Amino acid sequence: MTPAHRHRCDAERDSPDATATTEITTGLRCINIIQMRTALLILSLPCLIPASGWACSLPVFRYALEHWPADPYRVLIVPAGSWRDSDEAALRYLSEQKQQGANVDFRKWNRSDLPAIWPELRWFGAVNPETMGTRFVVLPPATAVERAGIANRPVGGAAWCRESLEQLLTSPLRQELSARLLQGQIVWLFLESGDPQIDDAIAERVKARIAYEQATLRLPEILPNDRKLLRETSAELSIRFSMLRIRRSDPAEGWLIEQLLSVEGDLRDPDIVGQPMLFPVFGRGRVLYALTGAGITDETIHEAAQFLTGACLCTVKAENPGVDLLLAVSWEDAVRKTQVPVDPPPPLVGLGFPSRWQRPENRSAVATATQVQQEAESVSLYSQIPAVPDAESPGWHGILWLPALFLLGLAAAVASIALVMLRRW
């Protein structure tokens, strides 16, 4: 009963002039409200149950590794007065890396476009576009800007050349990170503050805590309908945590540090930017969020670990937190693939006639088609399975559940009305 209904019933009941008949009528009205709300809830069940298809019993970290493509970073190329052969060679290199799996998009501006993008040139400092060499800036993924609300400001910029692009796309630590993610690990990136005494103490505490979480957390039970979304068998799944430390002064990891500082809008604030930071990374290089300074505690580590190893409550990537890192990895080729069995079409039953799949002249064709499908070369599950997995072909019980629920709700509504009528008589 809503507050308005409850207050109205109480006012009528407490009136000094109310008679016994009024009290009975008021009580029946309140009962009627409750029963009708219950009936409406039952009738709405057929609409609510399909919504559970957005959930999945696979753990978040594993579903993300298998089914969430990495969002691309945006590279804006600002040309110099003339476009040289070396500039064209760098452009071909970037295009090749994108085709091989690096999550990057790029756009080259013509000189005629320079007046339109003049505000963006402030990222390069006080330069003359007529005399400066070709340069580029890197923006975070557009999806992250829209979803996470981070500032649409550059991750960084550099001179346009192949050497700069190689530093942008890969680094020793990112190669190690990618290898661990492909092994099914959740990797905790620890960005040091620069004070060895503080950093060592926090690092030891984090290592001890993630070891405890690895030993105590349990994976969710994989439901039968969700096993087809898994390239590995459930017996091979396990919780594995590890940590990688990043020195702020490491020139090889400059682009990685800038990416980490860009996953949230305030990490570059003066009172935060110099603090030690911890970033849980999962899936295909997705950073969940940042833990900074005094916020790196056993409780916050447990919350992140519990979320990443728990059941995926929403399989739609955009509805989940996190920002992807720029990694030059062909994930679709690197993640181990398994063949998804293709079930033959279900028998069609009705009017007493045999299904066309049951007819002798069609059985051999069905068997041949099934064999061809099963022998086909394994391809990426991501291209086969939509974001919201289709339900399995239902049998008679699957066909009748919706009408059954409707009739159940209708019967409840009729019973509620009949009960009210009997009480009035």
Protein backbone atom coordinates (compact mmCIF):
# COMPACT_ATOMS: atom_id res chain seq x y z
CA MET A 1 0.00 0.00 0.00
CA THR A 2 1.37 3.41 -0.92
CA PRO A 3 1.80 6.09 1.82
CA ALA A 4 -1.10 8.11 0.38
CA HIS A 5 -3.44 5.12 0.56
CA ARG A 6 -2.30 4.23 4.05
CA HIS A 7 -2.82 7.78 5.38
CA ARG A 8 -6.23 7.98 3.81
CA CYS A 9 -7.33 4.69 5.39
CA ASP A 10 -5.99 5.77 8.78
CA ALA A 11 -7.83 9.08 8.60
CA GLU A 12 -11.15 7.44 7.82
CA ARG A 13 -10.66 4.86 10.56
CA ASP A 14 -9.82 7.45 13.25
CA SER A 15 -12.70 9.84 12.45
CA PRO A 16 -14.98 10.22 15.52
CA ASP A 17 -18.08 10.16 13.32
CA ALA A 18 -17.17 6.93 11.57
CA THR A 19 -19.71 4.17 11.93
CA ALA A 20 -19.09 0.41 11.90
CA THR A 21 -20.20 0.30 8.28
CA THR A 22 -17.67 2.96 7.34
CA GLU A 23 -14.90 1.05 9.10
CA ILE A 24 -15.80 -2.15 7.23
CA THR A 25 -15.95 -0.30 3.91
CA THR A 26 -12.61 1.36 4.60
CA GLY A 27 -11.00 -1.93 5.55
CA LEU A 28 -12.30 -3.59 2.39
CA ARG A 29 -10.96 -0.71 0.33
CA CYS A 30 -7.50 -1.11 1.85
CA ILE A 31 -7.61 -4.88 1.32
CA ASN A 32 -8.70 -4.30 -2.26
CA ILE A 33 -5.73 -1.99 -2.88
CA ILE A 34 -3.26 -4.54 -1.51
CA GLN A 35 -4.78 -7.42 -3.46
CA MET A 36 -4.94 -5.51 -6.73
CA ARG A 37 -1.29 -4.46 -6.37
CA THR A 38 -0.38 -8.11 -5.77
CA ALA A 39 -2.35 -9.19 -8.83
CA LEU A 40 -0.64 -6.56 -10.98
CA LEU A 41 2.75 -7.74 -9.75
CA ILE A 42 1.93 -11.34 -10.68
CA LEU A 43 0.64 -10.27 -14.07
CA SER A 44 3.87 -8.37 -14.72
CA LEU A 45 6.07 -11.42 -14.10
CA PRO A 46 6.14 -12.48 -17.78
CA CYS A 47 7.56 -9.04 -18.60
CA LEU A 48 10.16 -9.09 -15.84
CA ILE A 49 11.57 -12.59 -16.31
CA PRO A 50 13.12 -12.03 -19.79
CA ALA A 51 15.18 -9.19 -18.29
CA SER A 52 17.33 -11.81 -16.56
CA GLY A 53 18.83 -12.56 -19.96
CA TRP A 54 21.09 -9.55 -19.45
CA ALA A 55 22.88 -11.38 -16.64
CA CYS A 56 25.39 -14.19 -16.92
CA SER A 57 26.82 -16.65 -14.42
CA LEU A 58 30.36 -16.35 -15.84
CA PRO A 59 32.75 -14.33 -13.65
CA VAL A 60 33.20 -10.74 -14.80
CA PHE A 61 36.92 -11.02 -15.54
CA ARG A 62 36.44 -14.07 -17.75
CA TYR A 63 33.40 -12.78 -19.64
CA ALA A 64 35.29 -9.55 -20.35
CA LEU A 65 38.32 -11.43 -21.70
CA GLU A 66 36.23 -13.51 -24.07
CA HIS A 67 33.54 -11.11 -25.23
CA TRP A 68 34.39 -7.42 -24.70
CA PRO A 69 36.47 -5.86 -27.50
CA ALA A 70 38.81 -3.11 -26.32
CA ASP A 71 37.64 0.45 -26.97
CA PRO A 72 39.95 2.35 -29.35
CA TYR A 73 42.07 5.35 -28.42
CA ARG A 74 41.87 8.27 -30.86
CA VAL A 75 45.01 9.61 -32.52
CA LEU A 76 44.75 13.09 -34.03
CA ILE A 77 47.54 13.79 -36.55
CA VAL A 78 48.38 17.46 -37.09
CA PRO A 79 50.54 17.78 -40.22
CA ALA A 80 53.40 20.20 -40.76
CA GLY A 81 53.71 22.45 -43.76
CA SER A 82 54.52 19.49 -45.99
CA TRP A 83 53.72 15.78 -45.70
CA ARG A 84 56.96 13.84 -46.09
CA ASP A 85 57.63 10.26 -47.13
CA SER A 86 58.64 9.40 -43.55
CA ASP A 87 55.30 10.76 -42.35
CA GLU A 88 53.49 8.51 -44.82
CA ALA A 89 55.55 5.52 -43.65
CA ALA A 90 54.58 6.21 -40.04
CA LEU A 91 50.93 6.37 -41.11
CA ARG A 92 51.20 2.97 -42.82
CA TYR A 93 52.79 1.52 -39.67
CA LEU A 94 49.94 2.77 -37.50
CA SER A 95 47.38 1.37 -39.95
CA GLU A 96 49.10 -2.03 -39.92
CA GLN A 97 49.13 -2.11 -36.12
CA LYS A 98 45.43 -1.34 -36.05
CA GLN A 99 44.71 -4.16 -38.48
CA GLN A 100 46.75 -6.53 -36.31
CA GLY A 101 44.67 -5.77 -33.23
CA ALA A 102 45.85 -2.56 -31.57
CA ASN A 103 42.82 -0.70 -30.20
CA VAL A 104 43.48 2.61 -31.92
CA ASP A 105 41.73 4.87 -34.42
CA PHE A 106 43.38 7.79 -36.17
CA ARG A 107 42.57 10.82 -38.24
CA LYS A 108 44.85 13.02 -40.33
CA TRP A 109 44.04 16.70 -40.59
CA ASN A 110 44.70 18.65 -43.77
CA ARG A 111 46.26 22.11 -43.64
CA SER A 112 42.91 23.57 -44.65
CA ASP A 113 41.45 22.15 -41.43
CA LEU A 114 43.98 23.86 -39.16
CA PRO A 115 41.90 27.00 -38.46
CA ALA A 116 38.98 24.80 -37.38
CA ILE A 117 41.09 22.82 -34.92
CA TRP A 118 43.20 25.74 -33.71
CA PRO A 119 41.89 25.42 -30.10
CA GLU A 120 43.21 21.85 -29.98
CA LEU A 121 46.71 23.01 -30.96
CA ARG A 122 47.11 24.40 -27.43
CA TRP A 123 48.05 20.82 -26.51
CA PHE A 124 51.35 21.43 -28.33
CA GLY A 125 52.13 24.66 -26.54
CA ALA A 126 52.99 27.92 -28.23
CA VAL A 127 53.88 26.69 -31.72
CA ASN A 128 53.46 28.02 -35.20
CA PRO A 129 51.53 25.48 -37.31
CA GLU A 130 53.31 26.80 -40.39
CA THR A 131 56.77 25.87 -39.11
CA MET A 132 56.28 23.03 -36.58
CA GLY A 133 56.93 19.43 -37.55
CA THR A 134 54.08 16.96 -37.85
CA ARG A 135 52.83 15.91 -34.42
CA PHE A 136 50.03 13.83 -32.96
CA VAL A 137 47.91 13.82 -29.84
CA VAL A 138 46.13 10.85 -28.25
CA LEU A 139 42.63 11.12 -26.81
CA PRO A 140 40.99 8.53 -24.54
CA PRO A 141 38.28 6.27 -25.99
CA ALA A 142 35.15 8.21 -26.86
CA THR A 143 33.00 5.58 -25.14
CA ALA A 144 34.90 6.13 -21.89
CA VAL A 145 34.43 9.89 -22.12
CA GLU A 146 30.69 9.47 -22.56
CA ARG A 147 30.18 6.70 -20.01
CA ALA A 148 32.70 7.42 -17.27
CA GLY A 149 32.42 11.18 -17.53
CA ILE A 150 36.18 11.66 -17.78
CA ALA A 151 37.50 14.82 -19.41
CA ASN A 152 37.90 14.75 -23.17
CA ARG A 153 41.47 15.97 -22.84
CA PRO A 154 44.55 14.38 -24.36
CA VAL A 155 46.38 11.48 -22.84
CA GLY A 156 49.54 12.97 -24.36
CA GLY A 157 51.26 14.06 -27.54
CA ALA A 158 54.53 13.55 -29.39
CA ALA A 159 56.35 14.11 -32.66
CA TRP A 160 54.94 12.14 -35.57
CA CYS A 161 57.40 9.34 -36.33
CA ARG A 162 57.56 5.58 -36.15
CA GLU A 163 59.65 5.58 -32.97
CA SER A 164 57.04 7.65 -31.14
CA LEU A 165 54.27 5.38 -32.36
CA GLU A 166 56.11 2.26 -31.18
CA GLN A 167 56.39 3.80 -27.71
CA LEU A 168 52.68 4.64 -27.84
CA LEU A 169 51.56 1.14 -28.79
CA THR A 170 53.75 -1.09 -26.67
CA SER A 171 56.19 -1.27 -23.76
CA PRO A 172 57.87 -4.04 -21.75
CA LEU A 173 55.41 -3.83 -18.89
CA ARG A 174 52.39 -3.79 -21.18
CA GLN A 175 53.68 -6.91 -22.92
CA GLU A 176 53.93 -8.64 -19.55
CA LEU A 177 50.48 -7.34 -18.60
CA SER A 178 48.96 -8.73 -21.82
CA ALA A 179 50.58 -12.12 -21.28
CA ARG A 180 49.16 -12.38 -17.77
CA LEU A 181 45.69 -11.30 -18.88
CA LEU A 182 45.70 -13.99 -21.57
CA GLN A 183 46.46 -16.52 -18.83
CA GLY A 184 43.21 -15.50 -17.14
CA GLN A 185 44.79 -13.39 -14.40
CA ILE A 186 43.53 -10.21 -12.79
CA VAL A 187 46.56 -7.91 -12.62
CA TRP A 188 46.94 -5.13 -10.05
CA LEU A 189 49.08 -2.32 -11.47
CA PHE A 190 50.80 -0.43 -8.68
CA LEU A 191 51.93 3.05 -9.76
CA GLU A 192 54.58 4.11 -7.27
CA SER A 193 54.74 7.56 -5.73
CA GLY A 194 58.52 7.76 -5.93
CA ASP A 195 59.11 7.42 -2.18
CA PRO A 196 60.63 3.91 -1.73
CA GLN A 197 59.68 3.68 1.94
CA ILE A 198 56.00 4.40 1.28
CA ASP A 199 55.85 2.37 -1.93
CA ASP A 200 57.47 -0.75 -0.49
CA ALA A 201 55.13 -0.79 2.51
CA ILE A 202 52.01 -0.45 0.35
CA ALA A 203 53.25 -3.00 -2.18
CA GLU A 204 53.83 -5.62 0.53
CA ARG A 205 50.38 -4.99 1.97
CA VAL A 206 48.74 -5.27 -1.45
CA LYS A 207 50.57 -8.53 -2.25
CA ALA A 208 49.48 -10.04 1.04
CA ARG A 209 45.88 -8.95 0.56
CA ILE A 210 45.45 -10.20 -3.00
CA ALA A 211 46.99 -13.52 -1.95
CA TYR A 212 44.36 -13.74 0.79
CA GLU A 213 41.57 -12.85 -1.66
CA GLN A 214 42.81 -15.46 -4.13
CA ALA A 215 42.69 -18.13 -1.44
CA THR A 216 39.27 -17.22 0.00
CA LEU A 217 37.12 -16.02 -2.90
CA ARG A 218 35.07 -18.58 -4.83
CA LEU A 219 33.91 -18.45 -8.43
CA PRO A 220 30.17 -18.49 -9.14
CA GLU A 221 28.54 -21.70 -10.33
CA ILE A 222 28.41 -21.70 -14.12
CA LEU A 223 24.85 -22.36 -15.31
CA PRO A 224 24.40 -24.88 -18.15
CA ASN A 225 23.05 -22.27 -20.58
CA ASP A 226 26.12 -20.07 -20.03
CA ARG A 227 28.76 -22.72 -20.67
CA LYS A 228 28.48 -22.18 -24.41
CA LEU A 229 29.86 -18.66 -23.81
CA LEU A 230 33.04 -20.08 -22.33
CA ARG A 231 36.07 -21.07 -24.38
CA GLU A 232 37.56 -22.96 -21.45
CA THR A 233 35.82 -25.60 -19.40
CA SER A 234 34.68 -24.49 -15.98
CA ALA A 235 37.18 -26.89 -14.38
CA GLU A 236 40.04 -24.85 -15.87
CA LEU A 237 38.78 -21.56 -14.47
CA SER A 238 40.46 -20.29 -11.33
CA ILE A 239 41.07 -17.04 -9.50
CA ARG A 240 44.60 -15.79 -10.10
CA PHE A 241 45.83 -12.40 -8.88
CA SER A 242 49.22 -10.82 -9.50
CA MET A 243 50.80 -7.39 -9.14
CA LEU A 244 53.11 -5.32 -11.36
CA ARG A 245 54.94 -2.24 -10.09
CA ILE A 246 55.45 0.83 -12.27
CA ARG A 247 58.18 3.39 -11.55
CA ARG A 248 57.14 6.93 -12.31
CA SER A 249 60.58 7.67 -13.68
CA ASP A 250 60.60 4.77 -16.18
CA PRO A 251 60.79 6.41 -19.63
CA ALA A 252 59.68 3.19 -21.39
CA GLU A 253 56.35 3.28 -19.53
CA GLY A 254 55.55 6.95 -20.02
CA TRP A 255 52.52 6.30 -22.23
CA LEU A 256 51.19 3.64 -19.87
CA ILE A 257 51.44 6.04 -16.93
CA GLU A 258 49.61 8.74 -18.87
CA GLN A 259 46.84 6.28 -19.77
CA LEU A 260 46.42 5.25 -16.13
CA LEU A 261 46.20 8.88 -15.04
CA SER A 262 43.45 9.38 -17.64
CA VAL A 263 41.02 6.68 -16.45
CA GLU A 264 39.42 9.11 -13.99
CA GLY A 265 38.98 12.83 -14.31
CA ASP A 266 40.69 13.91 -11.08
CA LEU A 267 43.83 11.74 -11.00
CA ARG A 268 45.92 14.64 -12.33
CA ASP A 269 44.80 17.01 -9.60
CA PRO A 270 47.78 18.42 -7.67
CA ASP A 271 46.76 16.82 -4.37
CA ILE A 272 46.32 13.36 -5.95
CA VAL A 273 48.67 12.99 -8.90
CA GLY A 274 51.77 12.28 -6.79
CA GLN A 275 50.19 9.65 -4.55
CA PRO A 276 50.68 5.89 -4.95
CA MET A 277 47.88 4.37 -7.02
CA LEU A 278 46.51 0.88 -7.52
CA PHE A 279 44.64 -0.15 -10.68
CA PRO A 280 42.89 -3.55 -10.99
CA VAL A 281 43.11 -4.62 -14.65
CA PHE A 282 41.08 -7.46 -16.19
CA GLY A 283 39.67 -8.74 -19.45
CA ARG A 284 41.42 -7.26 -22.48
CA GLY A 285 43.24 -4.56 -20.55
CA ARG A 286 40.29 -2.91 -18.85
CA VAL A 287 41.04 -0.80 -15.74
CA LEU A 288 38.19 -1.06 -13.25
CA TYR A 289 39.08 2.18 -11.41
CA ALA A 290 41.88 3.73 -9.36
CA LEU A 291 42.61 3.33 -5.66
CA THR A 292 44.80 6.19 -4.44
CA GLY A 293 46.83 6.93 -1.33
CA ALA A 294 44.90 6.21 1.85
CA GLY A 295 42.16 4.63 -0.27
CA ILE A 296 44.32 1.55 -0.86
CA THR A 297 42.91 -0.56 1.96
CA ASP A 298 41.97 -4.19 2.56
CA GLU A 299 38.29 -3.26 2.23
CA THR A 300 38.62 -1.49 -1.14
CA ILE A 301 40.80 -4.28 -2.53
CA HIS A 302 38.24 -6.85 -1.38
CA GLU A 303 35.37 -4.94 -3.03
CA ALA A 304 37.20 -4.80 -6.37
CA ALA A 305 38.27 -8.45 -6.18
CA GLN A 306 34.78 -9.59 -5.24
CA PHE A 307 33.20 -7.71 -8.13
CA LEU A 308 35.67 -8.98 -10.73
CA THR A 309 35.36 -12.62 -9.66
CA GLY A 310 31.59 -12.54 -9.15
CA ALA A 311 28.87 -13.31 -11.70
CA CYS A 312 28.53 -10.84 -14.54
CA LEU A 313 25.32 -8.99 -13.65
CA CYS A 314 25.14 -7.26 -17.03
CA THR A 315 26.77 -8.61 -20.18
CA VAL A 316 26.52 -5.23 -21.93
CA LYS A 317 29.98 -3.70 -21.72
CA ALA A 318 28.74 -0.10 -21.71
CA GLU A 319 26.79 -0.77 -18.51
CA ASN A 320 29.92 -1.83 -16.62
CA PRO A 321 32.61 0.38 -15.08
CA GLY A 322 36.11 0.69 -16.45
CA VAL A 323 38.35 2.21 -19.12
CA ASP A 324 40.49 0.17 -21.53
CA LEU A 325 44.25 0.53 -21.91
CA LEU A 326 45.94 0.81 -25.30
CA LEU A 327 47.47 -2.62 -25.99
CA ALA A 328 48.79 -3.96 -29.29
CA VAL A 329 47.21 -7.41 -28.98
CA SER A 330 45.01 -9.34 -31.39
CA TRP A 331 42.71 -10.61 -28.67
CA GLU A 332 40.41 -12.57 -30.95
CA ASP A 333 43.34 -14.63 -32.17
CA ALA A 334 45.14 -14.85 -28.82
CA VAL A 335 42.28 -15.97 -26.58
CA ARG A 336 41.97 -19.74 -26.83
CA LYS A 337 39.01 -20.87 -28.89
CA THR A 338 36.86 -23.95 -28.58
CA GLN A 339 34.25 -25.35 -30.92
CA VAL A 340 30.69 -24.49 -29.99
CA PRO A 341 28.43 -27.49 -30.69
CA VAL A 342 25.57 -26.70 -33.04
CA ASP A 343 22.35 -28.40 -32.03
CA PRO A 344 20.02 -29.60 -34.81
CA PRO A 345 16.71 -27.78 -35.14
CA PRO A 346 14.07 -28.97 -32.65
CA PRO A 347 11.22 -31.17 -33.85
CA LEU A 348 8.12 -29.26 -34.88
CA VAL A 349 5.07 -30.72 -33.18
CA GLY A 350 1.47 -29.84 -33.99
CA LEU A 351 -1.82 -31.17 -35.41
CA GLY A 352 -0.53 -34.76 -35.13
CA PHE A 353 1.67 -34.49 -38.25
CA PRO A 354 5.36 -35.47 -38.07
CA SER A 355 7.91 -32.70 -38.18
CA ARG A 356 9.65 -32.18 -41.51
CA TRP A 357 12.93 -32.88 -39.68
CA GLN A 358 11.53 -36.26 -38.66
CA ARG A 359 10.62 -37.34 -42.16
CA PRO A 360 12.94 -40.05 -43.54
CA GLU A 361 13.83 -38.07 -46.67
CA ASN A 362 15.14 -35.17 -44.55
CA ARG A 363 17.01 -37.04 -41.81
CA SER A 364 20.13 -37.63 -43.88
CA ALA A 365 20.24 -33.99 -44.93
CA VAL A 366 20.03 -32.85 -41.33
CA ALA A 367 22.78 -35.24 -40.26
CA THR A 368 25.04 -34.08 -43.09
CA ALA A 369 24.48 -30.40 -42.31
CA THR A 370 25.19 -30.95 -38.64
CA GLN A 371 28.40 -32.83 -39.41
CA VAL A 372 29.61 -30.04 -41.69
CA GLN A 373 28.93 -27.43 -39.01
CA GLN A 374 30.77 -29.40 -36.36
CA GLU A 375 33.80 -29.93 -38.60
CA ALA A 376 34.04 -26.27 -39.56
CA GLU A 377 37.13 -24.41 -38.43
CA SER A 378 36.73 -22.79 -35.03
CA VAL A 379 36.15 -19.06 -35.24
CA SER A 380 35.86 -16.31 -32.70
CA LEU A 381 33.03 -16.71 -30.25
CA TYR A 382 32.66 -12.97 -30.19
CA SER A 383 31.48 -12.99 -33.80
CA GLN A 384 29.09 -15.87 -33.16
CA ILE A 385 27.45 -14.85 -29.91
CA PRO A 386 25.54 -11.58 -29.54
CA ALA A 387 25.89 -9.33 -26.50
CA VAL A 388 22.70 -10.84 -25.13
CA PRO A 389 22.83 -14.61 -25.78
CA ASP A 390 19.88 -16.17 -27.51
CA ALA A 391 17.87 -18.64 -25.48
CA GLU A 392 18.18 -22.30 -26.32
CA SER A 393 15.49 -23.81 -28.54
CA PRO A 394 12.58 -24.57 -26.21
CA GLY A 395 10.70 -27.82 -25.92
CA TRP A 396 7.03 -28.01 -25.04
CA HIS A 397 7.72 -26.80 -21.52
CA GLY A 398 9.64 -23.80 -22.90
CA ILE A 399 6.78 -22.93 -25.24
CA LEU A 400 4.08 -23.05 -22.57
CA TRP A 401 5.77 -21.14 -19.74
CA LEU A 402 4.58 -17.72 -20.88
CA PRO A 403 0.88 -18.63 -21.26
CA ALA A 404 1.07 -20.52 -17.96
CA LEU A 405 2.37 -17.47 -16.12
CA PHE A 406 -0.28 -15.31 -17.76
CA LEU A 407 -3.05 -17.68 -16.70
CA LEU A 408 -1.60 -17.84 -13.19
CA GLY A 409 -1.64 -14.06 -12.92
CA LEU A 410 -5.16 -13.89 -14.33
CA ALA A 411 -6.36 -16.51 -11.84
CA ALA A 412 -4.79 -14.53 -8.97
CA ALA A 413 -6.56 -11.36 -10.11
CA VAL A 414 -9.92 -13.14 -10.38
CA ALA A 415 -9.42 -14.70 -6.95
CA SER A 416 -8.63 -11.29 -5.44
CA ILE A 417 -11.78 -9.75 -6.90
CA ALA A 418 -13.90 -12.71 -5.78
CA LEU A 419 -12.53 -12.44 -2.25
CA VAL A 420 -13.44 -8.76 -2.09
CA MET A 421 -16.97 -9.48 -3.34
CA LEU A 422 -17.46 -12.25 -0.76
CA ARG A 423 -16.33 -10.00 2.06
CA ARG A 424 -18.78 -7.31 0.98
CA TRP A 425 -21.67 -9.83 0.97
